[in-house]
Amino acid sequence: MGCFFSKKSKRKSSEKDERTPTTTTVETTTTTNSSVPLGNNSEEPPKQYSWDKREKVDPKDYMLSGLKDVTVGRHPGKLNGQQFVIQDCENCNIFVFDHAATITIDDCVNCRIVLGPIKGSVFFRDCKDIKCVVACQQFRTRDCKKMEVFLCCATQPIIESSTGMKFGCFQYFYPDLAFHFKDAGLSIFNNNWSNIHDFTPVSGENNWSLLPESSKVLDSVPVPDPESEFKSVRISGDPERSIVPLTKGGRRKDSDESCLFVFFAGEYTTANARKLIDEVAAKGFVLVQTKEVSMRPEDVKRVFQNSADELVDWITKGPVVALELSGGGVVDACRSIADQVFPGTKVFVSENKNSSSRDVDNFFNFADMQMGL
């Protein structure tokens, strides 16, 4: 291999040639060659690549295995979007207060589990007598028995070869949860917790059901033991403090009157939607379902029909947040709230109770197709 020197090095060699004999020059040059790094006349530290700077990962930090009768888990910042595994645990209280890429739970019995938002899938396999709180993109079980799941799932939850499965709407709060939802790329308004698909149905049997509306999450999954390492994490199971809005889902509605209320993208869209939920709840109305989706001009015309022209420009600003609200007199109440509480906010509200059911069907059928449900 040839050696390359800088111009400065060559110039110094020439100056030495004028003052010293040839034999000395050769020796000097040889010495110089051995001390000067290739292509440079000064020493440089070895080049570092991005993979050299990564922290060493210990697989044990991303696994809970073979535990019994203990309270364990991970604090915020310990997973940071990595994969996580829980396996062969019995009678444990498990709290994962962080976001993850995927989580698998295998061969666990009689455990209470809280999982922070999961960007991909959560997969329960060969588990029995599990009570859990889960927020994820995809939810699946296989060969499981007797589970209670308080769920937020962006897609349709799937059970396979599983029995005694009960589902309720996600109701949970801890201080970092909203940030973890954002880090996991999940919307608090996209929750299909009650839209279960049974991959292996049995004729004449029902492998799953919905938990009673009166079910309280902390009755199933209590807060950490006061003596555990998680005693300082502030937790609430109060539906009013839950990051995810509590919805009626697939349960039968008490009233035939529904109203579609849509917020178009803006700086305070999420806060406005939460304010609306509080306002209608105070008046005794029920939140049935919510969705956050992007729309194109042709979608606006199909969904909003006669009101489309004035709304087309607003969809370019970002996704819309839509809510279905139910109860006698809900349409008039929502229109009043829109005028009084959100006078400067761009919204769509069903015009009257004769057209409101069509509004609801048009929007949520579109949203379900958009999300592949």
Protein backbone atom coordinates (compact mmCIF):
# COMPACT_ATOMS: atom_id res chain seq x y z
CA MET A 1 0.00 0.00 0.00
CA GLY A 2 1.34 3.48 -0.85
CA CYS A 3 1.83 6.17 1.81
CA PHE A 4 0.31 9.61 1.29
CA PHE A 5 1.70 12.77 2.91
CA SER A 6 0.36 16.27 3.18
CA LYS A 7 1.95 19.09 1.22
CA LYS A 8 3.47 20.39 4.43
CA SER A 9 5.30 17.11 5.02
CA LYS A 10 6.73 17.15 1.50
CA ARG A 11 7.95 20.71 1.92
CA LYS A 12 9.87 19.84 5.11
CA SER A 13 11.56 16.89 3.39
CA SER A 14 12.84 19.16 0.57
CA GLU A 15 14.36 21.61 3.05
CA LYS A 16 16.26 18.74 4.69
CA ASP A 17 17.59 17.53 1.32
CA GLU A 18 19.49 20.84 0.80
CA ARG A 19 21.38 20.56 4.14
CA THR A 20 22.03 16.84 4.68
CA PRO A 21 23.69 13.96 2.79
CA THR A 22 21.56 11.53 0.86
CA THR A 23 22.18 8.62 3.26
CA THR A 24 21.00 10.66 6.24
CA THR A 25 17.92 11.76 4.33
CA VAL A 26 16.91 8.16 3.74
CA GLU A 27 17.22 7.33 7.41
CA THR A 28 15.26 10.42 8.41
CA THR A 29 12.56 9.67 5.87
CA THR A 30 12.25 6.12 7.13
CA THR A 31 11.84 7.37 10.70
CA THR A 32 9.24 9.88 9.57
CA ASN A 33 7.28 7.20 7.68
CA SER A 34 6.96 5.07 10.81
CA SER A 35 5.67 7.93 12.97
CA VAL A 36 3.26 9.72 10.63
CA PRO A 37 -0.22 8.13 10.23
CA LEU A 38 -1.34 7.33 6.71
CA GLY A 39 -2.77 10.35 4.95
CA ASN A 40 -2.08 12.79 7.80
CA ASN A 41 0.77 14.42 9.65
CA SER A 42 -0.90 14.37 13.09
CA GLU A 43 -2.39 11.61 15.20
CA GLU A 44 -6.21 11.29 15.25
CA PRO A 45 -8.43 9.10 17.46
CA PRO A 46 -10.06 6.09 15.72
CA LYS A 47 -13.29 7.00 13.94
CA GLN A 48 -16.43 6.07 15.88
CA TYR A 49 -19.58 4.82 14.18
CA SER A 50 -23.14 5.08 15.50
CA TRP A 51 -23.19 1.39 16.43
CA ASP A 52 -20.04 1.86 18.51
CA LYS A 53 -21.83 4.45 20.66
CA ARG A 54 -24.87 2.31 21.52
CA GLU A 55 -25.21 1.25 25.11
CA LYS A 56 -24.76 -2.43 25.76
CA VAL A 57 -28.19 -4.07 26.12
CA ASP A 58 -28.75 -6.73 28.75
CA PRO A 59 -31.67 -8.98 27.69
CA LYS A 60 -32.56 -9.46 31.34
CA ASP A 61 -33.57 -5.79 31.54
CA TYR A 62 -36.32 -6.48 29.01
CA MET A 63 -37.74 -9.66 30.53
CA LEU A 64 -39.63 -10.87 33.59
CA SER A 65 -39.37 -14.65 33.91
CA GLY A 66 -40.12 -17.37 36.42
CA LEU A 67 -41.43 -15.09 39.19
CA LYS A 68 -43.93 -15.93 41.93
CA ASP A 69 -45.80 -13.93 44.60
CA VAL A 70 -43.98 -10.64 43.93
CA THR A 71 -44.67 -7.08 42.74
CA VAL A 72 -42.38 -6.25 39.83
CA GLY A 73 -42.19 -4.18 36.64
CA ARG A 74 -40.44 -1.24 35.05
CA HIS A 75 -40.38 2.49 35.84
CA PRO A 76 -40.82 5.20 33.17
CA GLY A 77 -37.75 5.47 30.93
CA LYS A 78 -36.55 1.91 31.46
CA LEU A 79 -37.93 0.45 28.20
CA ASN A 80 -38.07 3.49 25.92
CA GLY A 81 -39.82 1.69 23.09
CA GLN A 82 -37.96 -1.63 23.28
CA GLN A 83 -39.53 -5.09 23.09
CA PHE A 84 -40.50 -6.75 26.37
CA VAL A 85 -41.25 -10.30 27.48
CA ILE A 86 -43.20 -11.61 30.48
CA GLN A 87 -43.21 -15.38 30.97
CA ASP A 88 -43.80 -18.13 33.53
CA CYS A 89 -45.04 -15.80 36.27
CA GLU A 90 -47.52 -16.85 38.97
CA ASN A 91 -49.56 -14.72 41.36
CA CYS A 92 -47.61 -11.56 40.52
CA ASN A 93 -48.50 -7.88 40.32
CA ILE A 94 -46.74 -6.52 37.23
CA PHE A 95 -46.54 -2.81 36.39
CA VAL A 96 -44.87 -1.64 33.18
CA PHE A 97 -45.03 2.16 33.39
CA ASP A 98 -43.36 2.83 30.03
CA HIS A 99 -44.01 2.54 26.30
CA ALA A 100 -42.80 -0.49 24.35
CA ALA A 101 -42.48 -1.76 20.77
CA THR A 102 -44.16 -5.12 21.40
CA ILE A 103 -44.93 -7.20 24.49
CA THR A 104 -45.51 -10.95 24.72
CA ILE A 105 -46.94 -12.62 27.82
CA ASP A 106 -46.55 -16.41 27.95
CA ASP A 107 -47.60 -19.08 30.46
CA CYS A 108 -48.64 -16.72 33.24
CA VAL A 109 -51.23 -17.64 35.90
CA ASN A 110 -53.23 -15.53 38.35
CA CYS A 111 -51.44 -12.24 37.64
CA ARG A 112 -52.50 -8.58 37.67
CA ILE A 113 -50.78 -6.69 34.86
CA VAL A 114 -50.60 -3.03 33.78
CA LEU A 115 -48.91 -2.38 30.42
CA GLY A 116 -48.00 1.09 29.19
CA PRO A 117 -48.77 2.00 25.54
CA ILE A 118 -47.48 -0.50 22.99
CA LYS A 119 -46.63 0.75 19.50
CA GLY A 120 -47.17 -2.66 17.91
CA SER A 121 -48.80 -5.80 19.28
CA VAL A 122 -49.40 -7.34 22.68
CA PHE A 123 -49.79 -11.12 22.56
CA PHE A 124 -51.04 -13.27 25.46
CA ARG A 125 -50.38 -17.01 25.01
CA ASP A 126 -51.27 -19.91 27.31
CA CYS A 127 -52.30 -17.61 30.16
CA LYS A 128 -55.00 -18.16 32.79
CA ASP A 129 -56.77 -16.00 35.39
CA ILE A 130 -55.26 -12.72 34.21
CA LYS A 131 -56.58 -9.23 34.98
CA CYS A 132 -54.92 -6.48 33.01
CA VAL A 133 -54.86 -2.91 31.69
CA VAL A 134 -53.57 -2.65 28.12
CA ALA A 135 -53.13 0.09 25.48
CA CYS A 136 -51.84 -1.08 22.10
CA GLN A 137 -52.04 -1.02 18.32
CA GLN A 138 -52.93 -4.73 18.11
CA PHE A 139 -54.27 -7.11 20.77
CA ARG A 140 -54.22 -10.90 20.46
CA THR A 141 -54.70 -13.91 22.70
CA ARG A 142 -54.20 -17.60 22.00
CA ASP A 143 -55.02 -20.56 24.26
CA CYS A 144 -56.00 -18.31 27.17
CA LYS A 145 -58.66 -18.78 29.85
CA LYS A 146 -60.48 -16.35 32.13
CA MET A 147 -59.08 -12.91 31.42
CA GLU A 148 -60.41 -9.47 32.34
CA VAL A 149 -59.00 -6.81 30.01
CA PHE A 150 -59.44 -3.04 30.35
CA LEU A 151 -58.43 -2.22 26.82
CA CYS A 152 -57.51 0.57 24.44
CA CYS A 153 -56.82 -0.92 21.01
CA ALA A 154 -56.41 0.97 17.73
CA THR A 155 -57.42 -2.06 15.66
CA GLN A 156 -59.88 -4.91 16.13
CA PRO A 157 -58.88 -7.11 19.09
CA ILE A 158 -58.52 -10.80 18.21
CA ILE A 159 -58.92 -13.86 20.42
CA GLU A 160 -58.03 -17.39 19.30
CA SER A 161 -58.76 -20.66 21.11
CA SER A 162 -59.54 -18.60 24.19
CA THR A 163 -62.50 -18.80 26.61
CA GLY A 164 -63.93 -16.76 29.45
CA MET A 165 -62.62 -13.50 28.03
CA LYS A 166 -64.14 -10.27 29.39
CA PHE A 167 -63.46 -6.77 28.07
CA GLY A 168 -63.95 -3.25 29.39
CA CYS A 169 -62.90 0.22 28.29
CA PHE A 170 -59.44 1.43 29.32
CA GLN A 171 -59.64 3.53 32.51
CA TYR A 172 -56.24 4.48 33.87
CA PHE A 173 -53.88 7.32 34.71
CA TYR A 174 -50.26 7.74 35.73
CA PRO A 175 -48.26 10.97 35.24
CA ASP A 176 -46.28 9.96 32.14
CA LEU A 177 -49.09 8.08 30.38
CA ALA A 178 -50.08 10.86 27.95
CA PHE A 179 -46.45 11.21 26.82
CA HIS A 180 -46.16 7.44 26.42
CA PHE A 181 -49.26 7.37 24.19
CA LYS A 182 -47.60 9.97 21.97
CA ASP A 183 -44.27 8.11 21.94
CA ALA A 184 -46.08 4.91 20.92
CA GLY A 185 -47.95 6.70 18.13
CA LEU A 186 -51.38 5.89 19.59
CA SER A 187 -54.41 8.17 19.58
CA ILE A 188 -56.51 8.23 22.74
CA PHE A 189 -59.59 8.59 20.50
CA ASN A 190 -59.07 5.39 18.50
CA ASN A 191 -60.29 2.66 20.82
CA ASN A 192 -62.03 -0.46 19.52
CA TRP A 193 -62.11 -2.20 22.90
CA SER A 194 -65.56 -3.78 22.41
CA ASN A 195 -65.25 -4.81 18.74
CA ILE A 196 -63.83 -8.29 19.40
CA HIS A 197 -63.13 -10.83 16.64
CA ASP A 198 -63.18 -14.46 17.75
CA PHE A 199 -60.94 -16.35 15.34
CA THR A 200 -62.19 -19.74 16.59
CA PRO A 201 -65.89 -19.41 17.47
CA VAL A 202 -67.77 -22.40 18.84
CA SER A 203 -71.41 -22.89 17.82
CA GLY A 204 -73.75 -22.30 20.74
CA GLU A 205 -71.01 -20.87 22.98
CA ASN A 206 -69.73 -17.37 23.63
CA ASN A 207 -66.02 -17.14 24.31
CA TRP A 208 -66.09 -13.46 25.22
CA SER A 209 -68.34 -10.82 26.77
CA LEU A 210 -68.26 -7.23 27.96
CA LEU A 211 -67.64 -6.38 31.60
CA PRO A 212 -70.51 -4.64 33.44
CA GLU A 213 -70.51 -0.86 32.98
CA SER A 214 -70.10 -0.50 36.73
CA SER A 215 -66.74 -2.35 36.68
CA LYS A 216 -63.89 -0.44 38.30
CA VAL A 217 -60.38 -1.08 37.04
CA LEU A 218 -58.78 -0.85 40.49
CA ASP A 219 -61.08 -3.58 41.76
CA SER A 220 -59.46 -5.92 39.23
CA VAL A 221 -55.93 -4.47 39.13
CA PRO A 222 -55.17 -2.76 42.48
CA VAL A 223 -52.52 -0.06 42.88
CA PRO A 224 -49.00 -1.27 43.78
CA ASP A 225 -48.32 -2.43 47.32
CA PRO A 226 -47.28 0.50 49.60
CA GLU A 227 -44.00 -1.30 50.28
CA SER A 228 -43.17 -1.94 46.61
CA GLU A 229 -40.73 0.04 44.46
CA PHE A 230 -43.72 1.58 42.62
CA LYS A 231 -45.33 3.14 45.71
CA SER A 232 -44.35 6.66 44.55
CA VAL A 233 -46.13 6.38 41.15
CA ARG A 234 -49.39 8.34 41.30
CA ILE A 235 -52.12 6.12 39.85
CA SER A 236 -55.83 6.71 39.31
CA GLY A 237 -58.58 4.47 38.00
CA ASP A 238 -61.13 7.29 38.02
CA PRO A 239 -62.78 7.43 34.56
CA GLU A 240 -62.75 11.24 34.74
CA ARG A 241 -58.94 11.21 35.02
CA SER A 242 -58.38 8.45 32.48
CA ILE A 243 -56.16 9.42 29.54
CA VAL A 244 -58.50 7.48 27.24
CA PRO A 245 -62.16 8.65 27.22
CA LEU A 246 -64.57 6.12 28.72
CA THR A 247 -66.95 5.02 25.95
CA LYS A 248 -70.05 2.85 25.89
CA GLY A 249 -68.70 0.87 22.94
CA GLY A 250 -70.84 -2.00 21.68
CA ARG A 251 -73.24 -1.96 24.60
CA ARG A 252 -76.87 -1.23 23.83
CA LYS A 253 -77.68 2.48 23.87
CA ASP A 254 -80.37 3.73 26.25
CA SER A 255 -81.70 6.22 23.69
CA ASP A 256 -82.37 6.15 19.97
CA GLU A 257 -81.15 9.74 19.60
CA SER A 258 -77.48 10.25 18.79
CA CYS A 259 -75.44 13.25 17.68
CA LEU A 260 -72.24 13.56 15.66
CA PHE A 261 -69.85 16.23 16.93
CA VAL A 262 -66.62 16.78 14.94
CA PHE A 263 -63.64 18.98 15.79
CA PHE A 264 -61.40 20.02 12.92
CA ALA A 265 -57.64 20.17 13.47
CA GLY A 266 -56.37 23.01 15.58
CA GLU A 267 -54.03 23.80 18.44
CA TYR A 268 -56.52 22.73 21.10
CA THR A 269 -58.39 19.87 19.40
CA THR A 270 -57.71 17.29 22.11
CA ALA A 271 -58.45 19.72 24.93
CA ASN A 272 -61.67 20.82 23.21
CA ALA A 273 -62.82 17.22 22.79
CA ARG A 274 -62.20 16.57 26.47
CA LYS A 275 -64.09 19.75 27.38
CA LEU A 276 -67.06 18.58 25.31
CA ILE A 277 -67.04 15.18 27.03
CA ASP A 278 -67.17 16.90 30.42
CA GLU A 279 -69.98 19.20 29.29
CA VAL A 280 -72.23 16.44 27.94
CA ALA A 281 -71.52 14.12 30.88
CA ALA A 282 -72.64 16.87 33.26
CA LYS A 283 -75.93 16.99 31.36
CA GLY A 284 -76.42 13.22 31.62
CA PHE A 285 -75.53 12.25 28.04
CA VAL A 286 -73.38 9.26 27.10
CA LEU A 287 -70.21 9.07 25.01
CA VAL A 288 -70.67 6.09 22.68
CA GLN A 289 -67.51 6.15 20.54
CA THR A 290 -64.71 8.39 19.26
CA LYS A 291 -62.34 8.43 16.28
CA GLU A 292 -59.37 10.47 15.08
CA VAL A 293 -58.78 10.16 11.32
CA SER A 294 -57.44 12.09 8.33
CA MET A 295 -59.83 13.01 5.53
CA ARG A 296 -59.53 13.89 1.84
CA PRO A 297 -61.81 16.33 -0.02
CA GLU A 298 -63.81 13.46 -1.54
CA ASP A 299 -64.26 11.96 1.94
CA VAL A 300 -65.67 15.24 3.23
CA LYS A 301 -68.22 15.38 0.42
CA ARG A 302 -69.32 11.81 1.03
CA VAL A 303 -69.55 12.11 4.82
CA PHE A 304 -70.82 15.66 5.37
CA GLN A 305 -72.78 16.01 2.11
CA ASN A 306 -74.62 19.37 2.15
CA SER A 307 -72.12 20.91 4.59
CA ALA A 308 -69.06 19.74 2.66
CA ASP A 309 -68.20 22.97 0.83
CA GLU A 310 -67.52 24.95 3.98
CA LEU A 311 -65.46 22.13 5.54
CA VAL A 312 -63.12 21.05 2.73
CA ASP A 313 -60.43 23.62 3.49
CA TRP A 314 -60.29 22.63 7.16
CA ILE A 315 -59.21 19.03 6.61
CA THR A 316 -55.85 20.14 5.22
CA LYS A 317 -54.82 21.24 8.71
CA GLY A 318 -54.70 17.70 10.09
CA PRO A 319 -56.86 14.82 11.40
CA VAL A 320 -60.38 15.39 12.71
CA VAL A 321 -61.69 14.15 16.05
CA ALA A 322 -65.28 12.88 16.02
CA LEU A 323 -67.54 11.87 18.88
CA GLU A 324 -70.89 10.09 18.97
CA LEU A 325 -73.04 11.23 21.88
CA SER A 326 -76.33 9.69 22.91
CA GLY A 327 -79.42 10.58 24.93
CA GLY A 328 -82.80 12.24 24.61
CA GLY A 329 -82.35 15.85 23.46
CA VAL A 330 -78.63 15.38 22.79
CA VAL A 331 -78.66 17.13 19.39
CA ASP A 332 -80.14 20.38 20.72
CA ALA A 333 -77.81 20.23 23.71
CA CYS A 334 -74.73 19.75 21.52
CA ARG A 335 -75.67 22.62 19.24
CA SER A 336 -76.10 24.83 22.29
CA ILE A 337 -72.70 23.76 23.65
CA ALA A 338 -71.08 24.47 20.27
CA ASP A 339 -72.45 28.02 20.28
CA GLN A 340 -71.71 28.80 23.93
CA VAL A 341 -68.50 26.88 24.70
CA PHE A 342 -66.76 26.70 21.29
CA PRO A 343 -67.84 29.88 19.46
CA GLY A 344 -64.48 30.42 17.72
CA THR A 345 -63.77 26.75 16.93
CA LYS A 346 -64.53 25.05 13.62
CA VAL A 347 -66.89 22.15 14.32
CA PHE A 348 -69.60 20.08 12.69
CA VAL A 349 -72.68 19.23 14.74
CA SER A 350 -75.71 17.25 13.56
CA GLU A 351 -78.44 19.69 12.54
CA ASN A 352 -81.42 17.81 13.94
CA LYS A 353 -82.39 14.42 15.35
CA ASN A 354 -83.98 13.34 12.04
CA SER A 355 -80.60 13.46 10.25
CA SER A 356 -78.27 12.76 13.19
CA SER A 357 -78.33 8.95 12.90
CA ARG A 358 -77.33 9.25 9.25
CA ASP A 359 -74.52 11.63 10.21
CA VAL A 360 -73.20 9.13 12.76
CA ASP A 361 -73.38 6.20 10.35
CA ASN A 362 -71.75 8.13 7.49
CA PHE A 363 -68.78 9.23 9.56
CA PHE A 364 -68.03 6.09 11.56
CA ASN A 365 -68.53 3.77 8.58
CA PHE A 366 -66.00 5.89 6.72
CA ALA A 367 -63.62 5.91 9.71
CA ASP A 368 -63.82 2.14 10.13
CA MET A 369 -63.02 1.59 6.46
CA GLN A 370 -60.19 4.11 6.66
CA MET A 371 -58.68 2.17 9.58
CA GLY A 372 -59.27 -1.24 8.04
CA LEU A 373 -61.87 -2.36 10.60
